[in-house]
Structures are given as C-alpha cells and as structure tokens.
Amino acid sequence: MSEARTYGYYPGCSGMGTSMEYERSTRAVCEALGIKLVELEDWSCCGSTPAHTVDHVLSAALSGRNLSIAESMGLDTVITPCPSCLTNLKTATHRMENPEFRSKVDKLLDKPAPGGVAVKSVLQVIFEDVGPDAIREKVVRPLDGLALAPYYGCLMNRPPEVMQFDDPENPTSMDEILKALGADVVPYGLKVECCGASHGIAQKDVVTTLSGRLLDLAYAEHAVAMVTACPLCQMNLDLRQGQINSANKTNYKMPIFYYTQLLGIALGLPEKELGFDKLAVNPAPVLKAIQEPSHAAS
C-alpha cells in the first residue's frame, strides 16, 4: 500500500461485547499498518443471523441503512472484521441488484440504499491493500517456530459469487499473512468447515462434535494454536473448549487466537492493546515462545 487510505469502519455488535479483543486488536493493527478507519456514525445492527432467517427484505434494509450512512459520510468502501456482518452487508448489496427487491428495501428506509458502496473484510484489505511483503518488513517480533493452524470458518469466502475474495474451498490469505510473520503454517484441511455456528445453546452436541473435529486435526498436525478471523468460531473453539473436552473425552488446551492479535504482537504492539487476557484458554505458553523485539532480526 503506497499511501494510507481511509475506509468506513463497521465494528459490528459482537465487537462491542463478546469479541472486544478482536475489535481492539483490529483497530491497533490497522493503525500500525497505515489503514485509517472512520467508524460509521450511529451505526446499527446489520441484521446478521437473526434477521436474515426471518425476513430477507428487513435484513437487507438494516444493512442498507448502514451503507447509506457510509455514503452520506463520503466513504466509498466499508470494511468489517466480522464474517457474519460481512456476509449480511455483502448479501444485501448483492440482492439489491434486483430492482424489485431493492424497491421493497427502499420502502423501509428514510432514503434509498446506495448502490456504489463496496464492502470488504478487514482481512481482505490487509491482504490485498497492504500485502504480505509490506507486513514482513514491519515485523519486529517474528513468530518463528510457531506451528499455527489457520481456520477461516464457513462464511468468510462463501458463497464465492457474493464474497468475491480468496478461494472458497482453500483460502490462503490468512496463511500468507501468518507466514509473513514468520510462523510455520500447518497443512490444515478443515479450514472452511463449520464449527457449529450459533447452535452452542440450542444444540450443544453439534458444536462439540464439529468443533471437536477441528481441534482434533489441529492437534494431529502438531499445531500449538489455531488462528481465526470470526468471533463465533473463536467463541466455539475457545470458550467452549472445556465442553468439547467433556463431550469427546479429550484434554485440549489449545489457544485460539484472532489473526489480528498475532499480527499485532509480531508488529511489536503492546499486549494490552491486543486483548490476550480475554481468551479463555491460557495463551501464555505460546506467547512466551515469541521473542522480544530487542532480540528480533533487523
């Protein structure tokens, strides 16, 4: 990225609560990489999981409202860290290409939804607009020797006609970023398989089975931690790891990092800005293996 660029920023509801560490580390990393985030004024829920399962028009209107805010602020691109928010914002934009559907959405809004505001994930912007080579040059605490399993989840890249980023079956953007940080990325064949999503309360066995498979493979590939870009995936694998162990008779103690947390520590950002204390599985053994900035190669 030759010069800093400004993006509209949609943090999403979970970023204000259950995934505060993701939100905090995202802001810190973007600032360090020269990505200027302008938070949408008076943003509201995008519809995400609850709304789109009930009413596609209402869900699109909720997303349309936020995109209208971006347009009124003179922003041509909105980025978000959350794959669920990303999916809803991009799906709404995709569906509103149909004039009949758009007219139904516009009836619910104070003004017509914009048609020219692009939506991307923060991961896409870091990968495409900054790039692994530029990131590698900024690393002061390389993740040398850390065997990491990158887990994208089932939403970030699919369906491809809507998401239009990376490979829908074998994405590699997060892999390449982690490699630029010096990490050893293990061959992880379940990187886009579902973790159980929002069934953790209604059908806990779905999460313990599906997330259990994900942890099984990470251990089989000798990873010391998994890395994700999704708050729901992170919650299922981290917060519910004890439930998974109980159900599957395992004894996993694998930290589940957000990629922004590891990117931040590799860039030399203070750990207090990255929210490691919010993780349920103790990340200290992995963090201790990362060399201090004063010992890093120039």
C-alpha atoms as a PDB file:
ATOM      1  CA  MET A   1       0.000   0.000   0.000  1.00  0.00           C
ATOM      2  CA  SER A   2       1.786   3.105  -1.227  1.00  0.00           C
ATOM      3  CA  GLU A   3      -0.182   5.546   0.926  1.00  0.00           C
ATOM      4  CA  ALA A   4      -2.689   5.455   3.740  1.00  0.00           C
ATOM      5  CA  ARG A   5      -6.259   5.003   2.628  1.00  0.00           C
ATOM      6  CA  THR A   6      -9.453   5.779   4.505  1.00  0.00           C
ATOM      7  CA  TYR A   7     -12.153   3.160   4.941  1.00  0.00           C
ATOM      8  CA  GLY A   8     -15.558   3.284   6.520  1.00  0.00           C
ATOM      9  CA  TYR A   9     -15.462   1.019   9.549  1.00  0.00           C
ATOM     10  CA  TYR A  10     -18.328  -1.134  10.733  1.00  0.00           C
ATOM     11  CA  PRO A  11     -17.298  -2.792  14.036  1.00  0.00           C
ATOM     12  CA  GLY A  12     -20.426  -4.932  14.433  1.00  0.00           C
ATOM     13  CA  CYS A  13     -22.373  -5.701  17.600  1.00  0.00           C
ATOM     14  CA  SER A  14     -20.145  -8.511  18.871  1.00  0.00           C
ATOM     15  CA  GLY A  15     -17.150  -6.183  18.710  1.00  0.00           C
ATOM     16  CA  MET A  16     -18.759  -4.138  21.466  1.00  0.00           C
ATOM     17  CA  GLY A  17     -19.061  -7.153  23.762  1.00  0.00           C
ATOM     18  CA  THR A  18     -18.176 -10.787  23.220  1.00  0.00           C
ATOM     19  CA  SER A  19     -15.305 -10.123  20.806  1.00  0.00           C
ATOM     20  CA  MET A  20     -13.876  -6.936  22.282  1.00  0.00           C
ATOM     21  CA  GLU A  21     -10.356  -8.335  21.894  1.00  0.00           C
ATOM     22  CA  TYR A  22     -10.906  -8.724  18.150  1.00  0.00           C
ATOM     23  CA  GLU A  23     -12.215  -5.186  17.855  1.00  0.00           C
ATOM     24  CA  ARG A  24      -9.387  -3.746  19.942  1.00  0.00           C
ATOM     25  CA  SER A  25      -6.640  -5.630  18.107  1.00  0.00           C
ATOM     26  CA  THR A  26      -8.182  -4.800  14.717  1.00  0.00           C
ATOM     27  CA  ARG A  27      -8.029  -1.075  15.412  1.00  0.00           C
ATOM     28  CA  ALA A  28      -4.475  -1.314  16.741  1.00  0.00           C
ATOM     29  CA  VAL A  29      -3.208  -3.319  13.783  1.00  0.00           C
ATOM     30  CA  CYS A  30      -4.897  -1.105  11.201  1.00  0.00           C
ATOM     31  CA  GLU A  31      -3.323   1.984  12.738  1.00  0.00           C
ATOM     32  CA  ALA A  32       0.090   0.315  12.688  1.00  0.00           C
ATOM     33  CA  LEU A  33      -0.333  -0.615   9.022  1.00  0.00           C
ATOM     34  CA  GLY A  34      -1.479   2.850   7.936  1.00  0.00           C
ATOM     35  CA  ILE A  35      -5.121   1.877   7.425  1.00  0.00           C
ATOM     36  CA  LYS A  36      -7.331   4.753   8.546  1.00  0.00           C
ATOM     37  CA  LEU A  37     -10.662   3.608   9.976  1.00  0.00           C
ATOM     38  CA  VAL A  38     -13.598   6.018  10.099  1.00  0.00           C
ATOM     39  CA  GLU A  39     -16.321   4.457  12.223  1.00  0.00           C
ATOM     40  CA  LEU A  40     -19.799   4.847  10.753  1.00  0.00           C
ATOM     41  CA  GLU A  41     -21.790   7.415  12.692  1.00  0.00           C
ATOM     42  CA  ASP A  42     -24.781   5.982  14.589  1.00  0.00           C
ATOM     43  CA  TRP A  43     -24.329   2.547  13.011  1.00  0.00           C
ATOM     44  CA  SER A  44     -26.816  -0.141  13.954  1.00  0.00           C
ATOM     45  CA  CYS A  45     -27.130  -3.923  13.758  1.00  0.00           C
ATOM     46  CA  CYS A  46     -26.721  -5.165  10.191  1.00  0.00           C
ATOM     47  CA  GLY A  47     -29.321  -7.927  10.590  1.00  0.00           C
ATOM     48  CA  SER A  48     -26.779 -10.721  10.757  1.00  0.00           C
ATOM     49  CA  THR A  49     -28.019 -14.143  11.896  1.00  0.00           C
ATOM     50  CA  PRO A  50     -31.440 -13.346  13.442  1.00  0.00           C
ATOM     51  CA  ALA A  51     -32.936 -11.011  10.848  1.00  0.00           C
ATOM     52  CA  HIS A  52     -31.994 -12.780   7.624  1.00  0.00           C
ATOM     53  CA  THR A  53     -33.517 -16.033   8.864  1.00  0.00           C
ATOM     54  CA  VAL A  54     -36.855 -14.286   9.317  1.00  0.00           C
ATOM     55  CA  ASP A  55     -37.144 -11.649   6.593  1.00  0.00           C
ATOM     56  CA  HIS A  56     -34.625 -11.050   3.775  1.00  0.00           C
ATOM     57  CA  VAL A  57     -36.050  -7.618   2.988  1.00  0.00           C
ATOM     58  CA  LEU A  58     -35.835  -6.393   6.576  1.00  0.00           C
ATOM     59  CA  SER A  59     -32.337  -7.809   6.878  1.00  0.00           C
ATOM     60  CA  ALA A  60     -31.235  -6.004   3.721  1.00  0.00           C
ATOM     61  CA  ALA A  61     -32.815  -2.783   4.972  1.00  0.00           C
ATOM     62  CA  LEU A  62     -30.807  -2.973   8.187  1.00  0.00           C
ATOM     63  CA  SER A  63     -27.624  -3.352   6.161  1.00  0.00           C
ATOM     64  CA  GLY A  64     -28.789  -0.714   3.681  1.00  0.00           C
ATOM     65  CA  ARG A  65     -29.158   1.808   6.467  1.00  0.00           C
ATOM     66  CA  ASN A  66     -25.523   1.389   7.454  1.00  0.00           C
ATOM     67  CA  LEU A  67     -24.358   1.639   3.857  1.00  0.00           C
ATOM     68  CA  SER A  68     -26.402   4.843   3.486  1.00  0.00           C
ATOM     69  CA  ILE A  69     -24.573   6.278   6.483  1.00  0.00           C
ATOM     70  CA  ALA A  70     -21.270   5.469   4.795  1.00  0.00           C
ATOM     71  CA  GLU A  71     -22.380   7.176   1.591  1.00  0.00           C
ATOM     72  CA  SER A  72     -23.507  10.290   3.494  1.00  0.00           C
ATOM     73  CA  MET A  73     -20.036  10.429   5.088  1.00  0.00           C
ATOM     74  CA  GLY A  74     -18.381  10.400   1.659  1.00  0.00           C
ATOM     75  CA  LEU A  75     -16.996   6.877   2.069  1.00  0.00           C
ATOM     76  CA  ASP A  76     -16.858   4.510  -0.895  1.00  0.00           C
ATOM     77  CA  THR A  77     -15.773   1.356   0.976  1.00  0.00           C
ATOM     78  CA  VAL A  78     -16.958  -0.156   4.250  1.00  0.00           C
ATOM     79  CA  ILE A  79     -14.853  -2.788   5.982  1.00  0.00           C
ATOM     80  CA  THR A  80     -15.696  -5.012   8.922  1.00  0.00           C
ATOM     81  CA  PRO A  81     -13.751  -7.611  10.914  1.00  0.00           C
ATOM     82  CA  CYS A  82     -16.748  -9.915  11.426  1.00  0.00           C
ATOM     83  CA  PRO A  83     -17.577 -12.513   8.732  1.00  0.00           C
ATOM     84  CA  SER A  84     -21.220 -12.621   9.809  1.00  0.00           C
ATOM     85  CA  CYS A  85     -21.578  -8.855   9.392  1.00  0.00           C
ATOM     86  CA  LEU A  86     -19.604  -9.063   6.164  1.00  0.00           C
ATOM     87  CA  THR A  87     -21.947 -11.719   4.796  1.00  0.00           C
ATOM     88  CA  ASN A  88     -25.051  -9.736   5.614  1.00  0.00           C
ATOM     89  CA  LEU A  89     -23.734  -6.451   4.217  1.00  0.00           C
ATOM     90  CA  LYS A  90     -22.495  -8.087   1.011  1.00  0.00           C
ATOM     91  CA  THR A  91     -25.597 -10.265   0.607  1.00  0.00           C
ATOM     92  CA  ALA A  92     -27.820  -7.210   0.955  1.00  0.00           C
ATOM     93  CA  THR A  93     -25.793  -5.413  -1.714  1.00  0.00           C
ATOM     94  CA  HIS A  94     -25.984  -8.468  -3.975  1.00  0.00           C
ATOM     95  CA  ARG A  95     -29.739  -8.893  -3.562  1.00  0.00           C
ATOM     96  CA  MET A  96     -30.403  -5.207  -4.154  1.00  0.00           C
ATOM     97  CA  GLU A  97     -29.060  -5.617  -7.675  1.00  0.00           C
ATOM     98  CA  ASN A  98     -32.571  -6.928  -8.338  1.00  0.00           C
ATOM     99  CA  PRO A  99     -34.756  -3.802  -8.878  1.00  0.00           C
ATOM    100  CA  GLU A 100     -37.865  -5.451  -7.435  1.00  0.00           C
ATOM    101  CA  PHE A 101     -36.070  -6.467  -4.270  1.00  0.00           C
ATOM    102  CA  ARG A 102     -34.416  -3.042  -3.972  1.00  0.00           C
ATOM    103  CA  SER A 103     -37.787  -1.270  -4.185  1.00  0.00           C
ATOM    104  CA  LYS A 104     -39.044  -3.316  -1.225  1.00  0.00           C
ATOM    105  CA  VAL A 105     -35.944  -2.433   0.769  1.00  0.00           C
ATOM    106  CA  ASP A 106     -36.154   1.270  -0.053  1.00  0.00           C
ATOM    107  CA  LYS A 107     -39.696   1.417   1.299  1.00  0.00           C
ATOM    108  CA  LEU A 108     -38.297   0.627   4.742  1.00  0.00           C
ATOM    109  CA  LEU A 109     -35.586   3.286   4.616  1.00  0.00           C
ATOM    110  CA  ASP A 110     -35.635   7.066   5.016  1.00  0.00           C
ATOM    111  CA  LYS A 111     -33.750   7.335   1.730  1.00  0.00           C
ATOM    112  CA  PRO A 112     -32.843   4.812  -0.967  1.00  0.00           C
ATOM    113  CA  ALA A 113     -29.981   2.468  -0.187  1.00  0.00           C
ATOM    114  CA  PRO A 114     -26.762   3.354  -2.045  1.00  0.00           C
ATOM    115  CA  GLY A 115     -25.536   1.259  -4.922  1.00  0.00           C
ATOM    116  CA  GLY A 116     -21.901   2.312  -5.033  1.00  0.00           C
ATOM    117  CA  VAL A 117     -20.506   1.480  -1.594  1.00  0.00           C
ATOM    118  CA  ALA A 118     -18.149  -1.511  -1.638  1.00  0.00           C
ATOM    119  CA  VAL A 119     -17.980  -3.930   1.289  1.00  0.00           C
ATOM    120  CA  LYS A 120     -14.846  -5.855   2.259  1.00  0.00           C
ATOM    121  CA  SER A 121     -13.445  -7.682   5.253  1.00  0.00           C
ATOM    122  CA  VAL A 122     -10.563  -6.190   7.207  1.00  0.00           C
ATOM    123  CA  LEU A 123      -8.658  -9.364   6.304  1.00  0.00           C
ATOM    124  CA  GLN A 124      -9.147  -8.653   2.593  1.00  0.00           C
ATOM    125  CA  VAL A 125      -7.882  -5.088   2.949  1.00  0.00           C
ATOM    126  CA  ILE A 126      -4.831  -6.149   4.959  1.00  0.00           C
ATOM    127  CA  PHE A 127      -4.034  -8.888   2.459  1.00  0.00           C
ATOM    128  CA  GLU A 128      -4.751  -7.023  -0.793  1.00  0.00           C
ATOM    129  CA  ASP A 129      -4.118  -3.362   0.022  1.00  0.00           C
ATOM    130  CA  VAL A 130      -1.176  -3.796   2.392  1.00  0.00           C
ATOM    131  CA  GLY A 131       0.138  -7.216   1.410  1.00  0.00           C
ATOM    132  CA  PRO A 132       2.376  -9.874   2.996  1.00  0.00           C
ATOM    133  CA  ASP A 133       5.601  -8.305   1.693  1.00  0.00           C
ATOM    134  CA  ALA A 134       4.905  -4.952   3.345  1.00  0.00           C
ATOM    135  CA  ILE A 135       3.843  -6.704   6.538  1.00  0.00           C
ATOM    136  CA  ARG A 136       7.048  -8.776   6.583  1.00  0.00           C
ATOM    137  CA  GLU A 137       9.097  -5.573   6.525  1.00  0.00           C
ATOM    138  CA  LYS A 138       7.345  -4.296   9.651  1.00  0.00           C
ATOM    139  CA  VAL A 139       7.779  -7.431  11.778  1.00  0.00           C
ATOM    140  CA  VAL A 140       9.869  -6.879  14.939  1.00  0.00           C
ATOM    141  CA  ARG A 141       8.758  -9.941  16.915  1.00  0.00           C
ATOM    142  CA  PRO A 142       8.704 -12.802  14.416  1.00  0.00           C
ATOM    143  CA  LEU A 143       6.603 -15.858  15.180  1.00  0.00           C
ATOM    144  CA  ASP A 144       9.496 -18.139  14.300  1.00  0.00           C
ATOM    145  CA  GLY A 145       8.865 -21.781  15.099  1.00  0.00           C
ATOM    146  CA  LEU A 146       5.188 -21.387  15.982  1.00  0.00           C
ATOM    147  CA  ALA A 147       3.120 -24.069  14.260  1.00  0.00           C
ATOM    148  CA  LEU A 148      -0.274 -22.486  13.623  1.00  0.00           C
ATOM    149  CA  ALA A 149      -3.492 -23.847  12.112  1.00  0.00           C
ATOM    150  CA  PRO A 150      -5.381 -21.143  10.157  1.00  0.00           C
ATOM    151  CA  TYR A 151      -9.144 -21.564  10.423  1.00  0.00           C
ATOM    152  CA  TYR A 152     -11.328 -19.347   8.227  1.00  0.00           C
ATOM    153  CA  GLY A 153     -14.765 -20.721   9.054  1.00  0.00           C
ATOM    154  CA  CYS A 154     -17.573 -21.248   6.575  1.00  0.00           C
ATOM    155  CA  LEU A 155     -18.601 -17.607   5.939  1.00  0.00           C
ATOM    156  CA  MET A 156     -15.558 -15.513   5.052  1.00  0.00           C
ATOM    157  CA  ASN A 157     -15.188 -16.729   1.466  1.00  0.00           C
ATOM    158  CA  ARG A 158     -18.532 -18.307   0.590  1.00  0.00           C
ATOM    159  CA  PRO A 159     -20.635 -18.160  -1.485  1.00  0.00           C
ATOM    160  CA  PRO A 160     -17.940 -17.006  -3.926  1.00  0.00           C
ATOM    161  CA  GLU A 161     -20.294 -15.041  -6.184  1.00  0.00           C
ATOM    162  CA  VAL A 162     -21.155 -12.828  -3.197  1.00  0.00           C
ATOM    163  CA  MET A 163     -17.952 -12.714  -1.150  1.00  0.00           C
ATOM    164  CA  GLN A 164     -15.522 -12.383  -4.097  1.00  0.00           C
ATOM    165  CA  PHE A 165     -12.401 -12.897  -2.011  1.00  0.00           C
ATOM    166  CA  ASP A 166      -9.876 -15.719  -1.885  1.00  0.00           C
ATOM    167  CA  ASP A 167     -10.604 -19.342  -2.767  1.00  0.00           C
ATOM    168  CA  PRO A 168     -13.932 -20.605  -1.345  1.00  0.00           C
ATOM    169  CA  GLU A 169     -12.587 -24.107  -0.625  1.00  0.00           C
ATOM    170  CA  ASN A 170      -8.908 -23.466   0.089  1.00  0.00           C
ATOM    171  CA  PRO A 171      -8.374 -19.838   1.104  1.00  0.00           C
ATOM    172  CA  THR A 172      -4.771 -18.833   1.701  1.00  0.00           C
ATOM    173  CA  SER A 173      -4.824 -15.131   2.616  1.00  0.00           C
ATOM    174  CA  MET A 174      -4.514 -15.700   6.353  1.00  0.00           C
ATOM    175  CA  ASP A 175      -1.909 -18.418   5.710  1.00  0.00           C
ATOM    176  CA  GLU A 176       0.220 -15.921   3.781  1.00  0.00           C
ATOM    177  CA  ILE A 177      -0.085 -13.259   6.455  1.00  0.00           C
ATOM    178  CA  LEU A 178       0.961 -15.717   9.160  1.00  0.00           C
ATOM    179  CA  LYS A 179       3.912 -16.850   7.025  1.00  0.00           C
ATOM    180  CA  ALA A 180       4.935 -13.200   6.629  1.00  0.00           C
ATOM    181  CA  LEU A 181       5.060 -13.024  10.425  1.00  0.00           C
ATOM    182  CA  GLY A 182       7.489 -15.942  10.442  1.00  0.00           C
ATOM    183  CA  ALA A 183       5.062 -18.645  11.608  1.00  0.00           C
ATOM    184  CA  ASP A 184       5.012 -22.244  10.420  1.00  0.00           C
ATOM    185  CA  VAL A 185       1.556 -22.756   8.924  1.00  0.00           C
ATOM    186  CA  VAL A 186       0.450 -26.376   9.210  1.00  0.00           C
ATOM    187  CA  PRO A 187      -1.488 -28.075   6.380  1.00  0.00           C
ATOM    188  CA  TYR A 188      -4.983 -27.676   7.791  1.00  0.00           C
ATOM    189  CA  GLY A 189      -7.589 -29.439   5.668  1.00  0.00           C
ATOM    190  CA  LEU A 190     -10.662 -28.294   7.608  1.00  0.00           C
ATOM    191  CA  LYS A 191     -10.053 -24.558   7.268  1.00  0.00           C
ATOM    192  CA  VAL A 192     -13.543 -23.803   5.865  1.00  0.00           C
ATOM    193  CA  GLU A 193     -15.572 -26.459   7.704  1.00  0.00           C
ATOM    194  CA  CYS A 194     -18.333 -25.289  10.060  1.00  0.00           C
ATOM    195  CA  CYS A 195     -17.613 -25.081  13.793  1.00  0.00           C
ATOM    196  CA  GLY A 196     -21.272 -25.479  14.718  1.00  0.00           C
ATOM    197  CA  ALA A 197     -22.021 -21.786  14.365  1.00  0.00           C
ATOM    198  CA  SER A 198     -24.808 -20.492  16.639  1.00  0.00           C
ATOM    199  CA  HIS A 199     -26.014 -23.911  17.820  1.00  0.00           C
ATOM    200  CA  GLY A 200     -23.987 -23.740  21.019  1.00  0.00           C
ATOM    201  CA  ILE A 201     -27.051 -23.223  23.222  1.00  0.00           C
ATOM    202  CA  ALA A 202     -29.844 -24.886  21.253  1.00  0.00           C
ATOM    203  CA  GLN A 203     -27.843 -27.944  20.160  1.00  0.00           C
ATOM    204  CA  LYS A 204     -24.607 -28.074  22.103  1.00  0.00           C
ATOM    205  CA  ASP A 205     -23.798 -31.521  20.702  1.00  0.00           C
ATOM    206  CA  VAL A 206     -23.500 -30.000  17.214  1.00  0.00           C
ATOM    207  CA  VAL A 207     -20.753 -27.665  18.415  1.00  0.00           C
ATOM    208  CA  THR A 208     -18.921 -30.274  20.482  1.00  0.00           C
ATOM    209  CA  THR A 209     -18.892 -32.635  17.505  1.00  0.00           C
ATOM    210  CA  LEU A 210     -17.946 -30.177  14.746  1.00  0.00           C
ATOM    211  CA  SER A 211     -15.556 -28.037  16.780  1.00  0.00           C
ATOM    212  CA  GLY A 212     -14.103 -31.205  18.259  1.00  0.00           C
ATOM    213  CA  ARG A 213     -13.140 -32.357  14.761  1.00  0.00           C
ATOM    214  CA  LEU A 214     -11.414 -29.037  14.147  1.00  0.00           C
ATOM    215  CA  LEU A 215      -9.351 -29.338  17.321  1.00  0.00           C
ATOM    216  CA  ASP A 216      -8.586 -32.998  16.599  1.00  0.00           C
ATOM    217  CA  LEU A 217      -6.983 -32.118  13.265  1.00  0.00           C
ATOM    218  CA  ALA A 218      -5.073 -29.145  14.640  1.00  0.00           C
ATOM    219  CA  TYR A 219      -3.502 -31.410  17.259  1.00  0.00           C
ATOM    220  CA  ALA A 220      -2.858 -34.137  14.706  1.00  0.00           C
ATOM    221  CA  GLU A 221      -0.924 -31.587  12.630  1.00  0.00           C
ATOM    222  CA  HIS A 222       1.079 -30.589  15.741  1.00  0.00           C
ATOM    223  CA  ALA A 223      -0.213 -27.014  15.829  1.00  0.00           C
ATOM    224  CA  VAL A 224       0.374 -25.101  19.062  1.00  0.00           C
ATOM    225  CA  ALA A 225      -2.599 -22.821  18.395  1.00  0.00           C
ATOM    226  CA  MET A 226      -5.422 -22.136  15.978  1.00  0.00           C
ATOM    227  CA  VAL A 227      -5.948 -18.759  14.335  1.00  0.00           C
ATOM    228  CA  THR A 228      -9.294 -17.408  13.179  1.00  0.00           C
ATOM    229  CA  ALA A 229     -10.996 -14.278  11.864  1.00  0.00           C
ATOM    230  CA  CYS A 230     -14.516 -14.979  13.158  1.00  0.00           C
ATOM    231  CA  PRO A 231     -15.942 -14.127  16.608  1.00  0.00           C
ATOM    232  CA  LEU A 232     -18.392 -17.030  16.588  1.00  0.00           C
ATOM    233  CA  CYS A 233     -15.752 -19.546  15.521  1.00  0.00           C
ATOM    234  CA  GLN A 234     -13.368 -18.210  18.141  1.00  0.00           C
ATOM    235  CA  MET A 235     -16.018 -18.486  20.845  1.00  0.00           C
ATOM    236  CA  ASN A 236     -16.923 -22.068  19.982  1.00  0.00           C
ATOM    237  CA  LEU A 237     -13.322 -23.242  19.882  1.00  0.00           C
ATOM    238  CA  ASP A 238     -12.040 -21.208  22.834  1.00  0.00           C
ATOM    239  CA  LEU A 239     -14.837 -20.586  25.320  1.00  0.00           C
ATOM    240  CA  ARG A 240     -16.463 -23.964  24.709  1.00  0.00           C
ATOM    241  CA  GLN A 241     -13.235 -25.971  24.615  1.00  0.00           C
ATOM    242  CA  GLY A 242     -13.985 -27.336  28.082  1.00  0.00           C
ATOM    243  CA  GLN A 243     -17.398 -28.549  26.912  1.00  0.00           C
ATOM    244  CA  ILE A 244     -15.761 -30.125  23.867  1.00  0.00           C
ATOM    245  CA  ASN A 245     -13.261 -31.927  26.084  1.00  0.00           C
ATOM    246  CA  SER A 246     -16.004 -33.231  28.360  1.00  0.00           C
ATOM    247  CA  ALA A 247     -18.150 -34.468  25.486  1.00  0.00           C
ATOM    248  CA  ASN A 248     -15.319 -36.024  23.469  1.00  0.00           C
ATOM    249  CA  LYS A 249     -13.119 -37.230  26.336  1.00  0.00           C
ATOM    250  CA  THR A 250     -10.198 -35.090  25.199  1.00  0.00           C
ATOM    251  CA  ASN A 251      -7.892 -32.819  27.146  1.00  0.00           C
ATOM    252  CA  TYR A 252      -7.148 -29.989  24.734  1.00  0.00           C
ATOM    253  CA  LYS A 253      -5.646 -26.748  25.986  1.00  0.00           C
ATOM    254  CA  MET A 254      -5.129 -25.058  22.651  1.00  0.00           C
ATOM    255  CA  PRO A 255      -5.196 -21.247  22.472  1.00  0.00           C
ATOM    256  CA  ILE A 256      -7.494 -19.845  19.778  1.00  0.00           C
ATOM    257  CA  PHE A 257      -6.131 -16.504  18.578  1.00  0.00           C
ATOM    258  CA  TYR A 258      -7.591 -13.885  16.300  1.00  0.00           C
ATOM    259  CA  TYR A 259      -5.159 -13.299  13.466  1.00  0.00           C
ATOM    260  CA  THR A 260      -5.077  -9.611  14.410  1.00  0.00           C
ATOM    261  CA  GLN A 261      -3.728 -10.485  17.860  1.00  0.00           C
ATOM    262  CA  LEU A 262      -0.762 -12.367  16.429  1.00  0.00           C
ATOM    263  CA  LEU A 263      -0.251  -9.747  13.742  1.00  0.00           C
ATOM    264  CA  GLY A 264      -0.198  -7.110  16.444  1.00  0.00           C
ATOM    265  CA  ILE A 265       2.351  -8.866  18.621  1.00  0.00           C
ATOM    266  CA  ALA A 266       4.591  -9.507  15.594  1.00  0.00           C
ATOM    267  CA  LEU A 267       4.432  -5.791  14.793  1.00  0.00           C
ATOM    268  CA  GLY A 268       5.590  -5.033  18.332  1.00  0.00           C
ATOM    269  CA  LEU A 269       2.323  -3.582  19.630  1.00  0.00           C
ATOM    270  CA  PRO A 270       1.726  -3.613  23.401  1.00  0.00           C
ATOM    271  CA  GLU A 271      -0.013  -6.782  24.546  1.00  0.00           C
ATOM    272  CA  LYS A 272      -2.571  -4.712  26.478  1.00  0.00           C
ATOM    273  CA  GLU A 273      -3.876  -3.394  23.148  1.00  0.00           C
ATOM    274  CA  LEU A 274      -4.418  -6.899  21.784  1.00  0.00           C
ATOM    275  CA  GLY A 275      -6.769  -8.374  24.389  1.00  0.00           C
ATOM    276  CA  PHE A 276      -4.968 -11.626  25.177  1.00  0.00           C
ATOM    277  CA  ASP A 277      -6.488 -11.517  28.668  1.00  0.00           C
ATOM    278  CA  LYS A 278      -9.926 -12.107  27.109  1.00  0.00           C
ATOM    279  CA  LEU A 279      -9.017 -15.559  25.811  1.00  0.00           C
ATOM    280  CA  ALA A 280     -10.493 -18.482  27.749  1.00  0.00           C
ATOM    281  CA  VAL A 281      -7.649 -20.914  27.025  1.00  0.00           C
ATOM    282  CA  ASN A 282      -4.430 -19.530  28.512  1.00  0.00           C
ATOM    283  CA  PRO A 283      -2.242 -18.189  25.662  1.00  0.00           C
ATOM    284  CA  ALA A 284       0.818 -17.599  27.879  1.00  0.00           C
ATOM    285  CA  PRO A 285       2.812 -20.709  26.822  1.00  0.00           C
ATOM    286  CA  VAL A 286       2.545 -19.703  23.161  1.00  0.00           C
ATOM    287  CA  LEU A 287       3.243 -16.027  23.799  1.00  0.00           C
ATOM    288  CA  LYS A 288       6.364 -16.897  25.803  1.00  0.00           C
ATOM    289  CA  ALA A 289       7.784 -18.583  22.723  1.00  0.00           C
ATOM    290  CA  ILE A 290       7.710 -15.328  20.761  1.00  0.00           C
ATOM    291  CA  GLN A 291      10.979 -13.471  21.012  1.00  0.00           C
ATOM    292  CA  GLU A 292      11.169  -9.963  22.392  1.00  0.00           C
ATOM    293  CA  PRO A 293      11.649  -7.042  19.979  1.00  0.00           C
ATOM    294  CA  SER A 294      15.169  -6.394  21.213  1.00  0.00           C
ATOM    295  CA  HIS A 295      16.193  -9.870  20.067  1.00  0.00           C
ATOM    296  CA  ALA A 296      14.498  -9.686  16.681  1.00  0.00           C
ATOM    297  CA  ALA A 297      16.497  -9.709  13.492  1.00  0.00           C
ATOM    298  CA  SER A 298      16.749  -6.324  11.804  1.00  0.00           C
END
